[in-house]
Amino acid sequence: MRAHRWTSGLLVVQVALTLVLLAGAGFMMRSFFVLYRLDLGFATPRLLTMQINLNDRKYPTAVERNAFARRLQERLAGIGALDAVTTASNFPLTGGWGLELSIDGHTDPNARRPIVTLVSVGASYFDTLGIRLLRGRGFTASDETSGRGGVIVNQRFADMYFKGEDPLGRQISVTEQAPNGIDLRSQTIIGVSTIVRQRDVQNIEPDPVVYVPYFSGANQGRNVAVIVRTPGGMTAAVPLIRQAVLELDADIPV
């Protein structure tokens, strides 16, 4: 009798665990199909990404890190086997800096200041990823060196904070400490891009994003994100990229 009760108890536990596993598998498959159908906002075919970690002792300052990133970008851009090259602080879907901003026209002292995702990108970022600009213009080489103070926001940002208004020419400012000395005081919105998801891909609503020129201020740290679009298969492009990095610094792994 005791053995029968143990057997019955084990069967009940097994059935319960099976139901839990089936429910978990169903939820996982549902999440997979949601993500599979999700519009990420950029063209993924023939896109190759890499991340380079610069040694703090060898590249201790932002000036030295920026100089390396610029040399690498120029060298990769000179490789005919690559269609487009850009640098960035973060890849799409990998987040960015969540910063509190003060936005022109939103001066209510009792209102909670908006939190947006900040991403630093090269001048060819939007072309490399196939991201359309809906309004205004993209970054140029002069934006990265002149310090004129221009930023690009995504459509989600425009819908949230300038709904029914023209965001071009409006001012935004960081109201808290920005990472690594990036100066975001009195920045002018010069363009509006389509929505590219930087974080929270499982959320229905994407995050508002502010893009700043990569070389306009202090580099965002020792990690350099490089994005390359190839004309065909990526197998042939990988050794070319590795060789370009080794020629600049043989101690840096890709």
C-alpha atoms as a PDB file:
ATOM      1  CA  MET A   1       0.000   0.000   0.000  1.00  0.00           C
ATOM      2  CA  ARG A   2       2.823   2.403   0.924  1.00  0.00           C
ATOM      3  CA  ALA A   3       4.646   1.620  -2.334  1.00  0.00           C
ATOM      4  CA  HIS A   4       1.429   2.275  -4.276  1.00  0.00           C
ATOM      5  CA  ARG A   5       1.058   5.709  -2.624  1.00  0.00           C
ATOM      6  CA  TRP A   6       4.672   6.598  -3.471  1.00  0.00           C
ATOM      7  CA  THR A   7       4.163   5.537  -7.075  1.00  0.00           C
ATOM      8  CA  SER A   8       0.972   7.600  -7.355  1.00  0.00           C
ATOM      9  CA  GLY A   9       2.741  10.597  -5.803  1.00  0.00           C
ATOM     10  CA  LEU A  10       5.622  10.354  -8.239  1.00  0.00           C
ATOM     11  CA  LEU A  11       3.224  10.176 -11.177  1.00  0.00           C
ATOM     12  CA  VAL A  12       1.459  13.331  -9.974  1.00  0.00           C
ATOM     13  CA  VAL A  13       4.795  15.170  -9.661  1.00  0.00           C
ATOM     14  CA  GLN A  14       5.913  13.990 -13.114  1.00  0.00           C
ATOM     15  CA  VAL A  15       2.679  15.165 -14.711  1.00  0.00           C
ATOM     16  CA  ALA A  16       2.954  18.531 -12.963  1.00  0.00           C
ATOM     17  CA  LEU A  17       6.568  18.991 -14.097  1.00  0.00           C
ATOM     18  CA  THR A  18       5.636  17.999 -17.631  1.00  0.00           C
ATOM     19  CA  LEU A  19       2.903  20.621 -17.723  1.00  0.00           C
ATOM     20  CA  VAL A  20       5.332  23.261 -16.426  1.00  0.00           C
ATOM     21  CA  LEU A  21       7.896  22.327 -19.078  1.00  0.00           C
ATOM     22  CA  LEU A  22       5.286  22.380 -21.834  1.00  0.00           C
ATOM     23  CA  ALA A  23       4.038  25.788 -20.700  1.00  0.00           C
ATOM     24  CA  GLY A  24       7.625  27.104 -20.581  1.00  0.00           C
ATOM     25  CA  ALA A  25       8.387  25.706 -24.039  1.00  0.00           C
ATOM     26  CA  GLY A  26       5.215  27.275 -25.420  1.00  0.00           C
ATOM     27  CA  PHE A  27       6.105  30.641 -23.918  1.00  0.00           C
ATOM     28  CA  MET A  28       9.653  30.399 -25.300  1.00  0.00           C
ATOM     29  CA  MET A  29       8.396  29.581 -28.805  1.00  0.00           C
ATOM     30  CA  ARG A  30       5.901  32.435 -28.635  1.00  0.00           C
ATOM     31  CA  SER A  31       8.680  34.831 -27.614  1.00  0.00           C
ATOM     32  CA  PHE A  32      10.870  33.489 -30.415  1.00  0.00           C
ATOM     33  CA  PHE A  33       8.231  34.103 -33.080  1.00  0.00           C
ATOM     34  CA  VAL A  34       7.505  37.591 -31.690  1.00  0.00           C
ATOM     35  CA  LEU A  35      11.193  38.478 -31.937  1.00  0.00           C
ATOM     36  CA  TYR A  36      11.473  36.797 -35.349  1.00  0.00           C
ATOM     37  CA  ARG A  37       8.701  38.974 -36.769  1.00  0.00           C
ATOM     38  CA  LEU A  38       9.890  42.126 -35.024  1.00  0.00           C
ATOM     39  CA  ASP A  39      10.959  44.993 -37.259  1.00  0.00           C
ATOM     40  CA  LEU A  40      14.430  45.863 -35.957  1.00  0.00           C
ATOM     41  CA  GLY A  41      14.619  49.024 -38.034  1.00  0.00           C
ATOM     42  CA  PHE A  42      17.799  48.285 -39.984  1.00  0.00           C
ATOM     43  CA  ALA A  43      18.922  46.054 -42.857  1.00  0.00           C
ATOM     44  CA  THR A  44      20.590  42.912 -41.487  1.00  0.00           C
ATOM     45  CA  PRO A  45      21.776  41.119 -44.686  1.00  0.00           C
ATOM     46  CA  ARG A  46      25.547  41.196 -45.273  1.00  0.00           C
ATOM     47  CA  LEU A  47      26.119  43.080 -42.026  1.00  0.00           C
ATOM     48  CA  LEU A  48      29.193  42.174 -39.994  1.00  0.00           C
ATOM     49  CA  THR A  49      29.858  43.511 -36.496  1.00  0.00           C
ATOM     50  CA  MET A  50      32.927  43.362 -34.293  1.00  0.00           C
ATOM     51  CA  GLN A  51      33.989  44.809 -30.973  1.00  0.00           C
ATOM     52  CA  ILE A  52      37.513  45.904 -30.097  1.00  0.00           C
ATOM     53  CA  ASN A  53      38.672  46.400 -26.512  1.00  0.00           C
ATOM     54  CA  LEU A  54      41.465  48.952 -26.174  1.00  0.00           C
ATOM     55  CA  ASN A  55      43.960  48.441 -23.368  1.00  0.00           C
ATOM     56  CA  ASP A  56      43.749  51.182 -20.745  1.00  0.00           C
ATOM     57  CA  ARG A  57      47.512  51.308 -20.318  1.00  0.00           C
ATOM     58  CA  LYS A  58      48.184  51.581 -24.049  1.00  0.00           C
ATOM     59  CA  TYR A  59      45.248  53.915 -24.765  1.00  0.00           C
ATOM     60  CA  PRO A  60      44.736  55.774 -21.489  1.00  0.00           C
ATOM     61  CA  THR A  61      43.047  58.908 -22.838  1.00  0.00           C
ATOM     62  CA  ALA A  62      40.006  59.640 -24.967  1.00  0.00           C
ATOM     63  CA  VAL A  63      42.233  61.358 -27.525  1.00  0.00           C
ATOM     64  CA  GLU A  64      44.291  58.203 -28.055  1.00  0.00           C
ATOM     65  CA  ARG A  65      41.229  55.963 -28.239  1.00  0.00           C
ATOM     66  CA  ASN A  66      39.560  58.287 -30.732  1.00  0.00           C
ATOM     67  CA  ALA A  67      42.741  58.404 -32.818  1.00  0.00           C
ATOM     68  CA  PHE A  68      42.853  54.596 -33.036  1.00  0.00           C
ATOM     69  CA  ALA A  69      39.142  54.348 -33.923  1.00  0.00           C
ATOM     70  CA  ARG A  70      39.561  56.974 -36.633  1.00  0.00           C
ATOM     71  CA  ARG A  71      42.619  55.245 -38.144  1.00  0.00           C
ATOM     72  CA  LEU A  72      40.810  51.910 -38.145  1.00  0.00           C
ATOM     73  CA  GLN A  73      37.707  53.345 -39.762  1.00  0.00           C
ATOM     74  CA  GLU A  74      39.782  55.040 -42.484  1.00  0.00           C
ATOM     75  CA  ARG A  75      41.766  51.853 -43.142  1.00  0.00           C
ATOM     76  CA  LEU A  76      38.642  49.688 -43.406  1.00  0.00           C
ATOM     77  CA  ALA A  77      36.940  52.258 -45.629  1.00  0.00           C
ATOM     78  CA  GLY A  78      39.881  51.914 -48.029  1.00  0.00           C
ATOM     79  CA  ILE A  79      39.318  48.175 -48.505  1.00  0.00           C
ATOM     80  CA  GLY A  80      37.516  47.733 -51.808  1.00  0.00           C
ATOM     81  CA  ALA A  81      35.994  44.427 -50.719  1.00  0.00           C
ATOM     82  CA  LEU A  82      33.822  46.251 -48.153  1.00  0.00           C
ATOM     83  CA  ASP A  83      30.791  48.335 -49.108  1.00  0.00           C
ATOM     84  CA  ALA A  84      30.505  50.527 -46.008  1.00  0.00           C
ATOM     85  CA  VAL A  85      32.147  50.951 -42.593  1.00  0.00           C
ATOM     86  CA  THR A  86      31.186  52.838 -39.443  1.00  0.00           C
ATOM     87  CA  THR A  87      32.011  53.043 -35.749  1.00  0.00           C
ATOM     88  CA  ALA A  88      29.598  53.321 -32.832  1.00  0.00           C
ATOM     89  CA  SER A  89      29.482  53.179 -29.058  1.00  0.00           C
ATOM     90  CA  ASN A  90      26.819  50.442 -29.158  1.00  0.00           C
ATOM     91  CA  PHE A  91      25.364  48.069 -31.698  1.00  0.00           C
ATOM     92  CA  PRO A  92      21.592  48.046 -32.233  1.00  0.00           C
ATOM     93  CA  LEU A  93      19.826  45.823 -29.663  1.00  0.00           C
ATOM     94  CA  THR A  94      22.715  46.209 -27.194  1.00  0.00           C
ATOM     95  CA  GLY A  95      21.512  49.295 -25.328  1.00  0.00           C
ATOM     96  CA  GLY A  96      23.266  52.596 -24.715  1.00  0.00           C
ATOM     97  CA  TRP A  97      23.451  55.213 -21.993  1.00  0.00           C
ATOM     98  CA  GLY A  98      20.151  55.976 -20.322  1.00  0.00           C
ATOM     99  CA  LEU A  99      20.330  59.720 -19.676  1.00  0.00           C
ATOM    100  CA  GLU A 100      17.953  62.284 -18.298  1.00  0.00           C
ATOM    101  CA  LEU A 101      17.370  65.153 -20.714  1.00  0.00           C
ATOM    102  CA  SER A 102      15.931  68.616 -20.634  1.00  0.00           C
ATOM    103  CA  ILE A 103      13.945  69.213 -23.811  1.00  0.00           C
ATOM    104  CA  ASP A 104      13.087  72.546 -25.361  1.00  0.00           C
ATOM    105  CA  GLY A 105       9.443  73.344 -24.707  1.00  0.00           C
ATOM    106  CA  HIS A 106       9.105  70.918 -21.786  1.00  0.00           C
ATOM    107  CA  THR A 107       9.760  73.190 -18.816  1.00  0.00           C
ATOM    108  CA  ASP A 108       7.268  71.901 -16.224  1.00  0.00           C
ATOM    109  CA  PRO A 109       9.381  71.711 -13.022  1.00  0.00           C
ATOM    110  CA  ASN A 110       7.031  69.111 -11.533  1.00  0.00           C
ATOM    111  CA  ALA A 111       7.178  66.799 -14.526  1.00  0.00           C
ATOM    112  CA  ARG A 112       9.568  63.859 -14.541  1.00  0.00           C
ATOM    113  CA  ARG A 113      12.393  64.501 -16.974  1.00  0.00           C
ATOM    114  CA  PRO A 114      12.500  62.064 -19.900  1.00  0.00           C
ATOM    115  CA  ILE A 115      15.032  59.238 -19.967  1.00  0.00           C
ATOM    116  CA  VAL A 116      16.406  58.523 -23.419  1.00  0.00           C
ATOM    117  CA  THR A 117      19.006  56.153 -24.854  1.00  0.00           C
ATOM    118  CA  LEU A 118      22.182  57.873 -26.015  1.00  0.00           C
ATOM    119  CA  VAL A 119      24.253  56.281 -28.797  1.00  0.00           C
ATOM    120  CA  SER A 120      27.425  57.710 -30.314  1.00  0.00           C
ATOM    121  CA  VAL A 121      27.768  56.922 -34.043  1.00  0.00           C
ATOM    122  CA  GLY A 122      30.052  57.632 -36.985  1.00  0.00           C
ATOM    123  CA  ALA A 123      29.038  59.856 -39.881  1.00  0.00           C
ATOM    124  CA  SER A 124      28.304  56.825 -42.128  1.00  0.00           C
ATOM    125  CA  TYR A 125      26.340  54.918 -39.473  1.00  0.00           C
ATOM    126  CA  PHE A 126      22.903  55.407 -41.015  1.00  0.00           C
ATOM    127  CA  ASP A 127      24.062  54.540 -44.539  1.00  0.00           C
ATOM    128  CA  THR A 128      25.949  51.440 -43.350  1.00  0.00           C
ATOM    129  CA  LEU A 129      22.942  50.041 -41.486  1.00  0.00           C
ATOM    130  CA  GLY A 130      20.407  51.127 -44.104  1.00  0.00           C
ATOM    131  CA  ILE A 131      18.570  53.419 -41.670  1.00  0.00           C
ATOM    132  CA  ARG A 132      16.432  56.062 -43.373  1.00  0.00           C
ATOM    133  CA  LEU A 133      16.322  59.664 -42.285  1.00  0.00           C
ATOM    134  CA  LEU A 134      12.734  60.862 -42.324  1.00  0.00           C
ATOM    135  CA  ARG A 135      13.548  64.526 -41.814  1.00  0.00           C
ATOM    136  CA  GLY A 136      16.562  66.771 -41.734  1.00  0.00           C
ATOM    137  CA  ARG A 137      20.047  65.513 -42.520  1.00  0.00           C
ATOM    138  CA  GLY A 138      22.609  63.014 -41.344  1.00  0.00           C
ATOM    139  CA  PHE A 139      25.983  63.638 -39.746  1.00  0.00           C
ATOM    140  CA  THR A 140      28.940  64.855 -41.788  1.00  0.00           C
ATOM    141  CA  ALA A 141      32.661  64.788 -41.097  1.00  0.00           C
ATOM    142  CA  SER A 142      32.468  68.425 -40.015  1.00  0.00           C
ATOM    143  CA  ASP A 143      29.871  67.547 -37.345  1.00  0.00           C
ATOM    144  CA  GLU A 144      32.446  65.273 -35.746  1.00  0.00           C
ATOM    145  CA  THR A 145      35.133  67.953 -35.523  1.00  0.00           C
ATOM    146  CA  SER A 146      33.420  71.333 -35.397  1.00  0.00           C
ATOM    147  CA  GLY A 147      31.568  70.851 -32.092  1.00  0.00           C
ATOM    148  CA  ARG A 148      28.560  72.673 -33.514  1.00  0.00           C
ATOM    149  CA  GLY A 149      26.216  70.688 -31.340  1.00  0.00           C
ATOM    150  CA  GLY A 150      23.925  68.630 -33.575  1.00  0.00           C
ATOM    151  CA  VAL A 151      22.059  65.414 -32.730  1.00  0.00           C
ATOM    152  CA  ILE A 152      19.715  63.049 -34.549  1.00  0.00           C
ATOM    153  CA  VAL A 153      16.686  61.565 -32.787  1.00  0.00           C
ATOM    154  CA  ASN A 154      14.560  58.607 -33.802  1.00  0.00           C
ATOM    155  CA  GLN A 155      10.877  58.802 -34.684  1.00  0.00           C
ATOM    156  CA  ARG A 156       9.906  57.370 -31.303  1.00  0.00           C
ATOM    157  CA  PHE A 157      11.613  60.331 -29.607  1.00  0.00           C
ATOM    158  CA  ALA A 158       9.833  62.774 -31.933  1.00  0.00           C
ATOM    159  CA  ASP A 159       6.442  61.138 -31.300  1.00  0.00           C
ATOM    160  CA  MET A 160       6.896  61.191 -27.537  1.00  0.00           C
ATOM    161  CA  TYR A 161       8.168  64.741 -27.079  1.00  0.00           C
ATOM    162  CA  PHE A 162       7.245  66.681 -30.216  1.00  0.00           C
ATOM    163  CA  LYS A 163       3.988  65.094 -31.308  1.00  0.00           C
ATOM    164  CA  GLY A 164       2.342  67.362 -33.893  1.00  0.00           C
ATOM    165  CA  GLU A 165       5.388  69.658 -33.854  1.00  0.00           C
ATOM    166  CA  ASP A 166       8.549  70.003 -35.902  1.00  0.00           C
ATOM    167  CA  PRO A 167      11.519  68.753 -33.819  1.00  0.00           C
ATOM    168  CA  LEU A 168      14.140  70.122 -36.208  1.00  0.00           C
ATOM    169  CA  GLY A 169      16.009  73.051 -34.731  1.00  0.00           C
ATOM    170  CA  ARG A 170      14.789  72.383 -31.186  1.00  0.00           C
ATOM    171  CA  GLN A 171      17.269  72.145 -28.314  1.00  0.00           C
ATOM    172  CA  ILE A 172      17.976  69.318 -25.862  1.00  0.00           C
ATOM    173  CA  SER A 173      20.433  69.235 -22.959  1.00  0.00           C
ATOM    174  CA  VAL A 174      21.694  66.605 -20.542  1.00  0.00           C
ATOM    175  CA  THR A 175      20.644  67.412 -16.981  1.00  0.00           C
ATOM    176  CA  GLU A 176      22.931  64.851 -15.342  1.00  0.00           C
ATOM    177  CA  GLN A 177      26.537  63.726 -15.676  1.00  0.00           C
ATOM    178  CA  ALA A 178      27.117  62.391 -19.170  1.00  0.00           C
ATOM    179  CA  PRO A 179      29.519  59.452 -19.679  1.00  0.00           C
ATOM    180  CA  ASN A 180      33.204  60.204 -20.122  1.00  0.00           C
ATOM    181  CA  GLY A 181      32.860  63.921 -20.569  1.00  0.00           C
ATOM    182  CA  ILE A 182      30.472  64.005 -23.535  1.00  0.00           C
ATOM    183  CA  ASP A 183      29.181  67.559 -23.754  1.00  0.00           C
ATOM    184  CA  LEU A 184      25.457  67.507 -24.452  1.00  0.00           C
ATOM    185  CA  ARG A 185      24.611  71.023 -23.401  1.00  0.00           C
ATOM    186  CA  SER A 186      22.403  72.899 -25.843  1.00  0.00           C
ATOM    187  CA  GLN A 187      22.365  70.387 -28.684  1.00  0.00           C
ATOM    188  CA  THR A 188      20.269  71.107 -31.779  1.00  0.00           C
ATOM    189  CA  ILE A 189      18.142  68.399 -33.401  1.00  0.00           C
ATOM    190  CA  ILE A 190      19.272  68.233 -37.039  1.00  0.00           C
ATOM    191  CA  GLY A 191      17.538  65.027 -38.162  1.00  0.00           C
ATOM    192  CA  VAL A 192      14.898  62.392 -37.406  1.00  0.00           C
ATOM    193  CA  SER A 193      15.553  58.732 -38.238  1.00  0.00           C
ATOM    194  CA  THR A 194      13.315  55.714 -38.463  1.00  0.00           C
ATOM    195  CA  ILE A 195      12.992  53.628 -35.319  1.00  0.00           C
ATOM    196  CA  VAL A 196      15.872  51.269 -34.548  1.00  0.00           C
ATOM    197  CA  ARG A 197      15.588  49.209 -31.400  1.00  0.00           C
ATOM    198  CA  GLN A 198      18.511  49.728 -29.056  1.00  0.00           C
ATOM    199  CA  ARG A 199      17.150  47.885 -26.009  1.00  0.00           C
ATOM    200  CA  ASP A 200      14.112  46.057 -24.628  1.00  0.00           C
ATOM    201  CA  VAL A 201      13.380  44.147 -27.838  1.00  0.00           C
ATOM    202  CA  GLN A 202      10.598  42.212 -26.094  1.00  0.00           C
ATOM    203  CA  ASN A 203       8.701  45.394 -25.298  1.00  0.00           C
ATOM    204  CA  ILE A 204       5.998  46.450 -27.714  1.00  0.00           C
ATOM    205  CA  GLU A 205       7.139  50.063 -27.667  1.00  0.00           C
ATOM    206  CA  PRO A 206      10.756  50.852 -28.643  1.00  0.00           C
ATOM    207  CA  ASP A 207      12.879  53.317 -26.704  1.00  0.00           C
ATOM    208  CA  PRO A 208      13.481  56.969 -27.675  1.00  0.00           C
ATOM    209  CA  VAL A 209      17.049  57.333 -28.975  1.00  0.00           C
ATOM    210  CA  VAL A 210      19.389  60.298 -29.354  1.00  0.00           C
ATOM    211  CA  TYR A 211      22.389  59.886 -31.676  1.00  0.00           C
ATOM    212  CA  VAL A 212      25.512  62.042 -31.281  1.00  0.00           C
ATOM    213  CA  PRO A 213      28.570  62.176 -33.612  1.00  0.00           C
ATOM    214  CA  TYR A 214      31.168  59.620 -32.553  1.00  0.00           C
ATOM    215  CA  PHE A 215      34.224  61.869 -32.760  1.00  0.00           C
ATOM    216  CA  SER A 216      32.582  65.087 -31.581  1.00  0.00           C
ATOM    217  CA  GLY A 217      33.692  64.681 -27.967  1.00  0.00           C
ATOM    218  CA  ALA A 218      35.312  62.232 -25.603  1.00  0.00           C
ATOM    219  CA  ASN A 219      35.220  58.621 -26.690  1.00  0.00           C
ATOM    220  CA  GLN A 220      32.707  56.565 -24.709  1.00  0.00           C
ATOM    221  CA  GLY A 221      35.233  54.139 -23.273  1.00  0.00           C
ATOM    222  CA  ARG A 222      37.722  51.511 -24.291  1.00  0.00           C
ATOM    223  CA  ASN A 223      35.267  49.471 -26.384  1.00  0.00           C
ATOM    224  CA  VAL A 224      35.006  50.332 -30.074  1.00  0.00           C
ATOM    225  CA  ALA A 225      32.059  48.851 -31.979  1.00  0.00           C
ATOM    226  CA  VAL A 226      32.731  48.497 -35.721  1.00  0.00           C
ATOM    227  CA  ILE A 227      30.005  47.723 -38.243  1.00  0.00           C
ATOM    228  CA  VAL A 228      30.771  46.648 -41.807  1.00  0.00           C
ATOM    229  CA  ARG A 229      28.520  45.924 -44.767  1.00  0.00           C
ATOM    230  CA  THR A 230      29.975  43.475 -47.263  1.00  0.00           C
ATOM    231  CA  PRO A 231      29.099  43.141 -50.981  1.00  0.00           C
ATOM    232  CA  GLY A 232      28.663  39.366 -50.732  1.00  0.00           C
ATOM    233  CA  GLY A 233      29.574  36.563 -48.375  1.00  0.00           C
ATOM    234  CA  MET A 234      31.204  37.558 -45.119  1.00  0.00           C
ATOM    235  CA  THR A 235      33.765  34.739 -45.076  1.00  0.00           C
ATOM    236  CA  ALA A 236      36.194  36.630 -47.298  1.00  0.00           C
ATOM    237  CA  ALA A 237      35.756  39.899 -45.380  1.00  0.00           C
ATOM    238  CA  VAL A 238      36.711  38.578 -41.929  1.00  0.00           C
ATOM    239  CA  PRO A 239      40.448  37.992 -42.609  1.00  0.00           C
ATOM    240  CA  LEU A 240      40.707  41.398 -44.305  1.00  0.00           C
ATOM    241  CA  ILE A 241      39.297  43.094 -41.223  1.00  0.00           C
ATOM    242  CA  ARG A 242      41.516  41.114 -38.852  1.00  0.00           C
ATOM    243  CA  GLN A 243      44.566  42.023 -40.920  1.00  0.00           C
ATOM    244  CA  ALA A 244      43.660  45.725 -40.856  1.00  0.00           C
ATOM    245  CA  VAL A 245      43.415  45.642 -37.053  1.00  0.00           C
ATOM    246  CA  LEU A 246      46.698  43.744 -36.680  1.00  0.00           C
ATOM    247  CA  GLU A 247      48.483  46.282 -38.862  1.00  0.00           C
ATOM    248  CA  LEU A 248      47.417  49.031 -36.480  1.00  0.00           C
ATOM    249  CA  ASP A 249      48.048  47.106 -33.262  1.00  0.00           C
ATOM    250  CA  ALA A 250      49.157  43.476 -33.207  1.00  0.00           C
ATOM    251  CA  ASP A 251      48.103  43.105 -29.556  1.00  0.00           C
ATOM    252  CA  ILE A 252      44.402  43.792 -30.125  1.00  0.00           C
ATOM    253  CA  PRO A 253      42.074  40.797 -30.508  1.00  0.00           C
ATOM    254  CA  VAL A 254      38.940  41.166 -32.634  1.00  0.00           C
END
